[in-house]
Amino acid sequence: MPELPEVETVRRGLLPVMEGRVIACATVNRPDLRFALPEGMAARLTGARVERLRRRSKYILADLSTEETLLIHLGMSGRMLISGVTLGAFHHDHPAPAKHDHVILDMEGGARVTFNDARRFGAMDLMPTAEAEAHWLLRGIGPEPLGNAFDEAYLVERLKGRKMPVKAALLDQKIVAGLGNIYVCEVLHRAGIDPRRAAGRLSSARVRSLVPIIRAVLLEAIEAGGSSLRDYRQADGELGYFQHTFRVYDREDEGCAREGCGGTVARIVQSGRSTFFCPRCQR
């Protein structure tokens, strides 16, 4: 499932062809994805200008001139693909229609944005922009980890007294938005914190240390275009490269990347998800 860096990378890729431009024609090829698409979606999108393209947690939000907002969730295999424009050194012509091209946005200027999703675990919805934060998928989500509201004092307060493992706490979208399994494993390794430790038993100093590490890991991943595991691609079709710098994730039985540690990366299962960590240097 794409996490914050992957979604932010896609959003940035879409900015030049969507923000400030009119959707000249919207085509919707099926009635549903993970859940039913909004009624009259194609007609409601056609002719609307994308005033702002933003991200909230793992969702892309396109605020429209019609005072509606288009919500996009990539799911496990969803891709937003751009064609009809020059990206970097390459011109991407419009490809032939593909089986899983479910929503197509032809933008003014000739660019095309195609939502392709083989597994149909992605989602799209339309809601009034003024009520976007109250949407059932966004309601109750915590602060953005790269925003000002997420700071050391906030995280210390939210983890105080919690008995759940620190990994589970950081994955809780009500505590912090957008963090997923990959990046929490990487953050905890850099912080030297055992993912099994109860969140509320960490000292305030150790909790505070997590904030700059979380930001650093996310920014590095965004700079690398995210992590390409299985289906993820950037908006121009390119792979992300952060997986080449993983220190623990998906590195079971390999040597710990921390200098001088000498430990071996282990894998355990927490809440049905794989956790990768070094039992020697993460305490």
C-alpha atoms as a PDB file:
ATOM      1  CA  MET A   1       0.000   0.000   0.000  1.00  0.00           C
ATOM      2  CA  PRO A   2       1.547   3.365  -0.981  1.00  0.00           C
ATOM      3  CA  GLU A   3       2.508   5.416   2.052  1.00  0.00           C
ATOM      4  CA  LEU A   4       2.931   9.159   2.479  1.00  0.00           C
ATOM      5  CA  PRO A   5       6.146   9.513   0.389  1.00  0.00           C
ATOM      6  CA  GLU A   6       4.668   7.603  -2.546  1.00  0.00           C
ATOM      7  CA  VAL A   7       1.435   9.603  -2.498  1.00  0.00           C
ATOM      8  CA  GLU A   8       3.300  12.901  -2.145  1.00  0.00           C
ATOM      9  CA  THR A   9       5.550  11.934  -5.060  1.00  0.00           C
ATOM     10  CA  VAL A  10       2.504  11.240  -7.239  1.00  0.00           C
ATOM     11  CA  ARG A  11       0.909  14.540  -6.188  1.00  0.00           C
ATOM     12  CA  ARG A  12       4.036  16.456  -7.151  1.00  0.00           C
ATOM     13  CA  GLY A  13       4.127  14.660 -10.482  1.00  0.00           C
ATOM     14  CA  LEU A  14       0.527  15.670 -11.193  1.00  0.00           C
ATOM     15  CA  LEU A  15       0.966  19.331 -10.228  1.00  0.00           C
ATOM     16  CA  PRO A  16       2.277  20.646 -13.592  1.00  0.00           C
ATOM     17  CA  VAL A  17      -0.559  19.122 -15.598  1.00  0.00           C
ATOM     18  CA  MET A  18      -3.481  19.510 -13.179  1.00  0.00           C
ATOM     19  CA  GLU A  19      -3.194  22.461 -10.812  1.00  0.00           C
ATOM     20  CA  GLY A  20      -4.649  25.615 -12.351  1.00  0.00           C
ATOM     21  CA  ARG A  21      -5.956  23.730 -15.392  1.00  0.00           C
ATOM     22  CA  VAL A  22      -9.454  22.833 -16.552  1.00  0.00           C
ATOM     23  CA  ILE A  23     -10.588  19.232 -16.903  1.00  0.00           C
ATOM     24  CA  ALA A  24     -11.695  19.451 -20.539  1.00  0.00           C
ATOM     25  CA  CYS A  25     -13.299  16.010 -20.503  1.00  0.00           C
ATOM     26  CA  ALA A  26     -13.683  13.376 -17.813  1.00  0.00           C
ATOM     27  CA  THR A  27     -14.411   9.761 -18.711  1.00  0.00           C
ATOM     28  CA  VAL A  28     -15.565   7.204 -16.144  1.00  0.00           C
ATOM     29  CA  ASN A  29     -15.455   3.624 -17.411  1.00  0.00           C
ATOM     30  CA  ARG A  30     -17.029   1.733 -14.528  1.00  0.00           C
ATOM     31  CA  PRO A  31     -19.490   2.450 -11.691  1.00  0.00           C
ATOM     32  CA  ASP A  32     -17.214   1.523  -8.807  1.00  0.00           C
ATOM     33  CA  LEU A  33     -13.718   0.935  -7.491  1.00  0.00           C
ATOM     34  CA  ARG A  34     -13.353  -0.103  -3.854  1.00  0.00           C
ATOM     35  CA  PHE A  35     -16.760   1.480  -3.372  1.00  0.00           C
ATOM     36  CA  ALA A  36     -19.267   3.124  -5.710  1.00  0.00           C
ATOM     37  CA  LEU A  37     -18.064   6.171  -7.621  1.00  0.00           C
ATOM     38  CA  PRO A  38     -20.125   9.334  -7.052  1.00  0.00           C
ATOM     39  CA  GLU A  39     -23.239   9.832  -9.133  1.00  0.00           C
ATOM     40  CA  GLY A  40     -22.674  11.898 -12.275  1.00  0.00           C
ATOM     41  CA  MET A  41     -18.926  11.974 -11.642  1.00  0.00           C
ATOM     42  CA  ALA A  42     -17.887  12.536 -15.272  1.00  0.00           C
ATOM     43  CA  ALA A  43     -20.292  15.454 -15.750  1.00  0.00           C
ATOM     44  CA  ARG A  44     -19.341  17.020 -12.412  1.00  0.00           C
ATOM     45  CA  LEU A  45     -15.636  16.929 -13.283  1.00  0.00           C
ATOM     46  CA  THR A  46     -15.865  18.052 -16.911  1.00  0.00           C
ATOM     47  CA  GLY A  47     -15.295  21.798 -17.181  1.00  0.00           C
ATOM     48  CA  ALA A  48     -14.053  22.183 -13.609  1.00  0.00           C
ATOM     49  CA  ARG A  49     -10.742  23.917 -12.933  1.00  0.00           C
ATOM     50  CA  VAL A  50      -8.340  22.305 -10.449  1.00  0.00           C
ATOM     51  CA  GLU A  51      -7.680  25.214  -8.109  1.00  0.00           C
ATOM     52  CA  ARG A  52      -5.403  23.312  -5.762  1.00  0.00           C
ATOM     53  CA  LEU A  53      -3.877  19.841  -5.650  1.00  0.00           C
ATOM     54  CA  ARG A  54      -2.984  18.801  -2.122  1.00  0.00           C
ATOM     55  CA  ARG A  55      -2.406  15.731   0.012  1.00  0.00           C
ATOM     56  CA  ARG A  56      -3.981  14.667   3.285  1.00  0.00           C
ATOM     57  CA  SER A  57      -2.378  11.579   4.810  1.00  0.00           C
ATOM     58  CA  LYS A  58      -2.401   8.983   1.998  1.00  0.00           C
ATOM     59  CA  TYR A  59      -5.082  10.754  -0.044  1.00  0.00           C
ATOM     60  CA  ILE A  60      -4.720  13.189  -2.951  1.00  0.00           C
ATOM     61  CA  LEU A  61      -7.283  15.999  -2.915  1.00  0.00           C
ATOM     62  CA  ALA A  62      -8.106  18.158  -5.940  1.00  0.00           C
ATOM     63  CA  ASP A  63     -10.052  21.278  -4.934  1.00  0.00           C
ATOM     64  CA  LEU A  64     -12.201  22.323  -7.892  1.00  0.00           C
ATOM     65  CA  SER A  65     -13.689  25.602  -9.093  1.00  0.00           C
ATOM     66  CA  THR A  66     -17.129  24.018  -8.616  1.00  0.00           C
ATOM     67  CA  GLU A  67     -16.534  24.087  -4.833  1.00  0.00           C
ATOM     68  CA  GLU A  68     -16.221  20.326  -4.812  1.00  0.00           C
ATOM     69  CA  THR A  69     -13.113  18.293  -3.994  1.00  0.00           C
ATOM     70  CA  LEU A  70     -12.062  15.136  -5.790  1.00  0.00           C
ATOM     71  CA  LEU A  71     -10.585  12.582  -3.385  1.00  0.00           C
ATOM     72  CA  ILE A  72      -8.195   9.986  -4.816  1.00  0.00           C
ATOM     73  CA  HIS A  73      -6.810   6.959  -2.999  1.00  0.00           C
ATOM     74  CA  LEU A  74      -4.394   4.717  -4.887  1.00  0.00           C
ATOM     75  CA  GLY A  75      -5.127   1.543  -2.939  1.00  0.00           C
ATOM     76  CA  MET A  76      -2.717  -1.336  -3.509  1.00  0.00           C
ATOM     77  CA  SER A  77      -2.270  -1.123  -7.276  1.00  0.00           C
ATOM     78  CA  GLY A  78      -3.719   2.227  -8.365  1.00  0.00           C
ATOM     79  CA  ARG A  79      -1.624   4.438 -10.643  1.00  0.00           C
ATOM     80  CA  MET A  80      -2.082   8.005 -11.841  1.00  0.00           C
ATOM     81  CA  LEU A  81      -0.388   8.040 -15.243  1.00  0.00           C
ATOM     82  CA  ILE A  82       0.353  11.149 -17.299  1.00  0.00           C
ATOM     83  CA  SER A  83       0.504  11.187 -21.098  1.00  0.00           C
ATOM     84  CA  GLY A  84       0.484  13.754 -23.884  1.00  0.00           C
ATOM     85  CA  VAL A  85       3.215  15.920 -22.361  1.00  0.00           C
ATOM     86  CA  THR A  86       6.998  16.063 -22.070  1.00  0.00           C
ATOM     87  CA  LEU A  87       8.244  14.987 -18.649  1.00  0.00           C
ATOM     88  CA  GLY A  88      11.967  15.455 -18.168  1.00  0.00           C
ATOM     89  CA  ALA A  89      13.701  14.344 -21.354  1.00  0.00           C
ATOM     90  CA  PHE A  90      10.878  12.163 -22.627  1.00  0.00           C
ATOM     91  CA  HIS A  91       7.592  12.814 -24.392  1.00  0.00           C
ATOM     92  CA  HIS A  92       4.813  10.508 -23.241  1.00  0.00           C
ATOM     93  CA  ASP A  93       2.249   9.968 -26.016  1.00  0.00           C
ATOM     94  CA  HIS A  94      -1.268   8.853 -25.156  1.00  0.00           C
ATOM     95  CA  PRO A  95      -1.185   5.057 -24.902  1.00  0.00           C
ATOM     96  CA  ALA A  96      -3.877   2.794 -26.289  1.00  0.00           C
ATOM     97  CA  PRO A  97      -6.762   2.355 -23.823  1.00  0.00           C
ATOM     98  CA  ALA A  98      -6.007  -0.376 -21.309  1.00  0.00           C
ATOM     99  CA  LYS A  99      -8.368  -2.782 -19.561  1.00  0.00           C
ATOM    100  CA  HIS A 100      -7.933  -1.225 -16.140  1.00  0.00           C
ATOM    101  CA  ASP A 101      -8.089   2.472 -17.150  1.00  0.00           C
ATOM    102  CA  HIS A 102     -11.083   3.303 -14.966  1.00  0.00           C
ATOM    103  CA  VAL A 103     -11.077   7.126 -14.882  1.00  0.00           C
ATOM    104  CA  ILE A 104      -9.525   9.375 -17.541  1.00  0.00           C
ATOM    105  CA  LEU A 105      -9.084  13.138 -17.186  1.00  0.00           C
ATOM    106  CA  ASP A 106      -8.251  14.985 -20.416  1.00  0.00           C
ATOM    107  CA  MET A 107      -6.839  18.318 -19.313  1.00  0.00           C
ATOM    108  CA  GLU A 108      -6.741  21.584 -21.196  1.00  0.00           C
ATOM    109  CA  GLY A 109      -3.434  21.809 -23.049  1.00  0.00           C
ATOM    110  CA  GLY A 110      -3.478  18.192 -24.180  1.00  0.00           C
ATOM    111  CA  ALA A 111      -2.298  16.313 -21.092  1.00  0.00           C
ATOM    112  CA  ARG A 112      -4.158  13.216 -20.002  1.00  0.00           C
ATOM    113  CA  VAL A 113      -4.287  11.794 -16.483  1.00  0.00           C
ATOM    114  CA  THR A 114      -5.380   8.160 -16.277  1.00  0.00           C
ATOM    115  CA  PHE A 115      -6.322   6.315 -13.100  1.00  0.00           C
ATOM    116  CA  ASN A 116      -5.403   2.683 -13.728  1.00  0.00           C
ATOM    117  CA  ASP A 117      -6.108   0.107 -11.021  1.00  0.00           C
ATOM    118  CA  ALA A 118      -5.914  -3.598 -11.770  1.00  0.00           C
ATOM    119  CA  ARG A 119      -7.136  -4.747  -8.362  1.00  0.00           C
ATOM    120  CA  ARG A 120      -9.680  -1.956  -7.852  1.00  0.00           C
ATOM    121  CA  PHE A 121      -8.695  -1.391  -4.215  1.00  0.00           C
ATOM    122  CA  GLY A 122      -8.342   2.322  -4.965  1.00  0.00           C
ATOM    123  CA  ALA A 123     -11.080   4.869  -4.457  1.00  0.00           C
ATOM    124  CA  MET A 124     -12.421   8.177  -5.737  1.00  0.00           C
ATOM    125  CA  ASP A 125     -15.096  10.411  -4.305  1.00  0.00           C
ATOM    126  CA  LEU A 126     -16.477  13.930  -4.638  1.00  0.00           C
ATOM    127  CA  MET A 127     -17.543  16.068  -1.697  1.00  0.00           C
ATOM    128  CA  PRO A 128     -18.115  19.770  -0.960  1.00  0.00           C
ATOM    129  CA  THR A 129     -14.713  21.400  -0.444  1.00  0.00           C
ATOM    130  CA  ALA A 130     -15.935  23.191   2.672  1.00  0.00           C
ATOM    131  CA  GLU A 131     -16.753  19.808   4.244  1.00  0.00           C
ATOM    132  CA  ALA A 132     -13.728  17.847   3.019  1.00  0.00           C
ATOM    133  CA  GLU A 133     -12.125  17.382   6.439  1.00  0.00           C
ATOM    134  CA  ALA A 134     -15.374  15.822   7.690  1.00  0.00           C
ATOM    135  CA  HIS A 135     -15.386  13.164   4.944  1.00  0.00           C
ATOM    136  CA  TRP A 136     -15.603   9.696   6.447  1.00  0.00           C
ATOM    137  CA  LEU A 137     -12.164   8.751   5.093  1.00  0.00           C
ATOM    138  CA  LEU A 138     -10.481  11.896   6.460  1.00  0.00           C
ATOM    139  CA  ARG A 139     -12.361  12.544   9.688  1.00  0.00           C
ATOM    140  CA  GLY A 140     -10.219  12.074  12.791  1.00  0.00           C
ATOM    141  CA  ILE A 141      -6.861  11.797  11.017  1.00  0.00           C
ATOM    142  CA  GLY A 142      -3.981  13.199  13.056  1.00  0.00           C
ATOM    143  CA  PRO A 143      -1.566  15.974  12.064  1.00  0.00           C
ATOM    144  CA  GLU A 144       0.730  15.730   9.062  1.00  0.00           C
ATOM    145  CA  PRO A 145       4.213  14.579  10.143  1.00  0.00           C
ATOM    146  CA  LEU A 146       5.832  17.258   7.971  1.00  0.00           C
ATOM    147  CA  GLY A 147       3.568  20.015   9.295  1.00  0.00           C
ATOM    148  CA  ASN A 148       3.957  22.409  12.210  1.00  0.00           C
ATOM    149  CA  ALA A 149       1.242  20.754  14.308  1.00  0.00           C
ATOM    150  CA  PHE A 150       3.374  17.626  14.633  1.00  0.00           C
ATOM    151  CA  ASP A 151       6.109  18.489  17.093  1.00  0.00           C
ATOM    152  CA  GLU A 152       7.918  16.983  20.060  1.00  0.00           C
ATOM    153  CA  ALA A 153       5.459  18.224  22.680  1.00  0.00           C
ATOM    154  CA  TYR A 154       2.504  16.856  20.714  1.00  0.00           C
ATOM    155  CA  LEU A 155       3.991  13.370  20.300  1.00  0.00           C
ATOM    156  CA  VAL A 156       5.050  13.140  23.959  1.00  0.00           C
ATOM    157  CA  GLU A 157       1.495  13.968  25.017  1.00  0.00           C
ATOM    158  CA  ARG A 158      -0.142  11.514  22.568  1.00  0.00           C
ATOM    159  CA  LEU A 159       2.078   8.585  23.557  1.00  0.00           C
ATOM    160  CA  LYS A 160       1.922   9.233  27.299  1.00  0.00           C
ATOM    161  CA  GLY A 161       0.552   6.216  29.175  1.00  0.00           C
ATOM    162  CA  ARG A 162      -0.160   4.136  26.067  1.00  0.00           C
ATOM    163  CA  LYS A 163       0.329   0.390  26.511  1.00  0.00           C
ATOM    164  CA  MET A 164       0.362  -0.447  22.800  1.00  0.00           C
ATOM    165  CA  PRO A 165       3.723  -1.137  21.111  1.00  0.00           C
ATOM    166  CA  VAL A 166       5.393   1.998  19.824  1.00  0.00           C
ATOM    167  CA  LYS A 167       5.201   0.697  16.281  1.00  0.00           C
ATOM    168  CA  ALA A 168       1.416   0.343  16.521  1.00  0.00           C
ATOM    169  CA  ALA A 169       1.175   3.845  17.981  1.00  0.00           C
ATOM    170  CA  LEU A 170       3.069   5.392  15.076  1.00  0.00           C
ATOM    171  CA  LEU A 171       0.878   3.487  12.612  1.00  0.00           C
ATOM    172  CA  ASP A 172      -2.269   4.873  14.255  1.00  0.00           C
ATOM    173  CA  GLN A 173      -3.568   7.464  11.778  1.00  0.00           C
ATOM    174  CA  LYS A 174      -5.345   9.271  14.615  1.00  0.00           C
ATOM    175  CA  ILE A 175      -1.964  10.021  16.181  1.00  0.00           C
ATOM    176  CA  VAL A 176      -0.012  10.940  13.042  1.00  0.00           C
ATOM    177  CA  ALA A 177      -1.124  10.961   9.411  1.00  0.00           C
ATOM    178  CA  GLY A 178       0.331   8.950   6.582  1.00  0.00           C
ATOM    179  CA  LEU A 179       2.921   6.756   8.296  1.00  0.00           C
ATOM    180  CA  GLY A 180       2.897   3.152   7.132  1.00  0.00           C
ATOM    181  CA  ASN A 181       4.699  -0.085   7.855  1.00  0.00           C
ATOM    182  CA  ILE A 182       7.827   0.512   5.770  1.00  0.00           C
ATOM    183  CA  TYR A 183       8.727   3.925   7.127  1.00  0.00           C
ATOM    184  CA  VAL A 184       7.880   3.180  10.757  1.00  0.00           C
ATOM    185  CA  CYS A 185      10.295   0.223  10.645  1.00  0.00           C
ATOM    186  CA  GLU A 186      12.981   2.490   9.205  1.00  0.00           C
ATOM    187  CA  VAL A 187      12.298   5.285  11.735  1.00  0.00           C
ATOM    188  CA  LEU A 188      12.495   2.978  14.748  1.00  0.00           C
ATOM    189  CA  HIS A 189      15.771   1.501  13.546  1.00  0.00           C
ATOM    190  CA  ARG A 190      17.342   4.939  13.162  1.00  0.00           C
ATOM    191  CA  ALA A 191      16.051   5.866  16.618  1.00  0.00           C
ATOM    192  CA  GLY A 192      17.389   2.636  18.141  1.00  0.00           C
ATOM    193  CA  ILE A 193      13.962   1.809  19.594  1.00  0.00           C
ATOM    194  CA  ASP A 194      12.609  -1.734  19.825  1.00  0.00           C
ATOM    195  CA  PRO A 195       9.229  -1.794  17.976  1.00  0.00           C
ATOM    196  CA  ARG A 196       7.806  -4.013  20.731  1.00  0.00           C
ATOM    197  CA  ARG A 197       8.381  -1.451  23.473  1.00  0.00           C
ATOM    198  CA  ALA A 198       5.213  -0.012  25.004  1.00  0.00           C
ATOM    199  CA  ALA A 199       4.824   3.535  23.705  1.00  0.00           C
ATOM    200  CA  GLY A 200       4.017   4.900  27.129  1.00  0.00           C
ATOM    201  CA  ARG A 201       7.177   3.439  28.671  1.00  0.00           C
ATOM    202  CA  LEU A 202       9.526   5.401  26.422  1.00  0.00           C
ATOM    203  CA  SER A 203      11.194   8.385  28.049  1.00  0.00           C
ATOM    204  CA  SER A 204      10.143  11.826  26.886  1.00  0.00           C
ATOM    205  CA  ALA A 205      13.613  12.313  25.439  1.00  0.00           C
ATOM    206  CA  ARG A 206      13.316   9.204  23.278  1.00  0.00           C
ATOM    207  CA  VAL A 207       9.840  10.179  22.077  1.00  0.00           C
ATOM    208  CA  ARG A 208      11.044  13.683  21.214  1.00  0.00           C
ATOM    209  CA  SER A 209      13.911  12.188  19.213  1.00  0.00           C
ATOM    210  CA  LEU A 210      11.410  10.435  16.959  1.00  0.00           C
ATOM    211  CA  VAL A 211      10.021  13.650  15.456  1.00  0.00           C
ATOM    212  CA  PRO A 212      13.112  14.817  13.504  1.00  0.00           C
ATOM    213  CA  ILE A 213      13.859  11.223  12.478  1.00  0.00           C
ATOM    214  CA  ILE A 214      10.335  10.759  11.106  1.00  0.00           C
ATOM    215  CA  ARG A 215      10.680  13.950   9.091  1.00  0.00           C
ATOM    216  CA  ALA A 216      14.134  13.025   7.810  1.00  0.00           C
ATOM    217  CA  VAL A 217      13.076   9.555   6.659  1.00  0.00           C
ATOM    218  CA  LEU A 218       9.976  10.878   4.891  1.00  0.00           C
ATOM    219  CA  LEU A 219      11.849  13.692   3.156  1.00  0.00           C
ATOM    220  CA  GLU A 220      14.580  11.317   1.999  1.00  0.00           C
ATOM    221  CA  ALA A 221      11.950   8.929   0.644  1.00  0.00           C
ATOM    222  CA  ILE A 222      10.124  11.721  -1.195  1.00  0.00           C
ATOM    223  CA  GLU A 223      13.407  12.888  -2.702  1.00  0.00           C
ATOM    224  CA  ALA A 224      14.016   9.313  -3.914  1.00  0.00           C
ATOM    225  CA  GLY A 225      10.542   9.117  -5.456  1.00  0.00           C
ATOM    226  CA  GLY A 226       9.188   6.735  -2.841  1.00  0.00           C
ATOM    227  CA  SER A 227       9.758   3.001  -2.537  1.00  0.00           C
ATOM    228  CA  SER A 228       8.815   0.729  -5.449  1.00  0.00           C
ATOM    229  CA  LEU A 229       7.473  -2.530  -4.055  1.00  0.00           C
ATOM    230  CA  ARG A 230       5.279  -4.516  -6.442  1.00  0.00           C
ATOM    231  CA  ASP A 231       2.839  -2.112  -8.113  1.00  0.00           C
ATOM    232  CA  TYR A 232       3.895   1.412  -7.158  1.00  0.00           C
ATOM    233  CA  ARG A 233       5.016   3.811  -9.908  1.00  0.00           C
ATOM    234  CA  GLN A 234       5.440   7.579 -10.001  1.00  0.00           C
ATOM    235  CA  ALA A 235       3.069   9.642 -12.146  1.00  0.00           C
ATOM    236  CA  ASP A 236       5.528   9.547 -15.063  1.00  0.00           C
ATOM    237  CA  GLY A 237       5.736   5.758 -14.851  1.00  0.00           C
ATOM    238  CA  GLU A 238       9.184   5.717 -13.235  1.00  0.00           C
ATOM    239  CA  LEU A 239      10.070   3.603 -10.204  1.00  0.00           C
ATOM    240  CA  GLY A 240      10.870   5.017  -6.809  1.00  0.00           C
ATOM    241  CA  TYR A 241      14.302   4.242  -5.389  1.00  0.00           C
ATOM    242  CA  PHE A 242      14.171   4.595  -1.595  1.00  0.00           C
ATOM    243  CA  GLN A 243      14.007   0.796  -1.200  1.00  0.00           C
ATOM    244  CA  HIS A 244      17.687   0.687  -2.111  1.00  0.00           C
ATOM    245  CA  THR A 245      18.491   2.496   1.143  1.00  0.00           C
ATOM    246  CA  PHE A 246      16.341   0.388   3.479  1.00  0.00           C
ATOM    247  CA  ARG A 247      18.228  -0.352   6.678  1.00  0.00           C
ATOM    248  CA  VAL A 248      15.885  -3.027   8.023  1.00  0.00           C
ATOM    249  CA  TYR A 249      12.688  -3.313   5.999  1.00  0.00           C
ATOM    250  CA  ASP A 250      12.571  -6.553   3.977  1.00  0.00           C
ATOM    251  CA  ARG A 251      16.157  -7.368   5.075  1.00  0.00           C
ATOM    252  CA  GLU A 252      15.509 -10.380   7.320  1.00  0.00           C
ATOM    253  CA  ASP A 253      18.681 -12.312   8.226  1.00  0.00           C
ATOM    254  CA  GLU A 254      20.942  -9.634   6.728  1.00  0.00           C
ATOM    255  CA  GLY A 255      23.500  -7.702   8.729  1.00  0.00           C
ATOM    256  CA  CYS A 256      22.417  -4.572  10.608  1.00  0.00           C
ATOM    257  CA  ALA A 257      23.305  -1.383   8.733  1.00  0.00           C
ATOM    258  CA  ARG A 258      24.224   0.496  11.912  1.00  0.00           C
ATOM    259  CA  GLU A 259      27.969   0.994  12.035  1.00  0.00           C
ATOM    260  CA  GLY A 260      29.619  -1.162  14.668  1.00  0.00           C
ATOM    261  CA  CYS A 261      26.433  -3.050  15.602  1.00  0.00           C
ATOM    262  CA  GLY A 262      27.159  -6.479  14.169  1.00  0.00           C
ATOM    263  CA  GLY A 263      23.563  -7.602  14.709  1.00  0.00           C
ATOM    264  CA  THR A 264      21.240  -9.392  12.290  1.00  0.00           C
ATOM    265  CA  VAL A 265      17.889  -8.045  11.089  1.00  0.00           C
ATOM    266  CA  ALA A 266      14.955 -10.061  12.417  1.00  0.00           C
ATOM    267  CA  ARG A 267      11.341 -10.279  11.290  1.00  0.00           C
ATOM    268  CA  ILE A 268       8.356 -10.624  13.606  1.00  0.00           C
ATOM    269  CA  VAL A 269       4.631 -10.158  13.069  1.00  0.00           C
ATOM    270  CA  GLN A 270       2.765  -7.389  14.867  1.00  0.00           C
ATOM    271  CA  SER A 271      -0.958  -6.908  14.313  1.00  0.00           C
ATOM    272  CA  GLY A 272      -0.755  -9.005  11.159  1.00  0.00           C
ATOM    273  CA  ARG A 273       2.107  -6.973   9.640  1.00  0.00           C
ATOM    274  CA  SER A 274       5.770  -7.797   9.227  1.00  0.00           C
ATOM    275  CA  THR A 275       8.104  -5.848  11.472  1.00  0.00           C
ATOM    276  CA  PHE A 276      11.815  -5.724  10.647  1.00  0.00           C
ATOM    277  CA  PHE A 277      14.294  -4.625  13.319  1.00  0.00           C
ATOM    278  CA  CYS A 278      17.694  -5.315  14.836  1.00  0.00           C
ATOM    279  CA  PRO A 279      17.324  -6.985  18.266  1.00  0.00           C
ATOM    280  CA  ARG A 280      20.897  -5.976  19.169  1.00  0.00           C
ATOM    281  CA  CYS A 281      20.822  -2.195  18.718  1.00  0.00           C
ATOM    282  CA  GLN A 282      17.110  -1.440  19.043  1.00  0.00           C
ATOM    283  CA  ARG A 283      16.229  -1.286  22.724  1.00  0.00           C
END
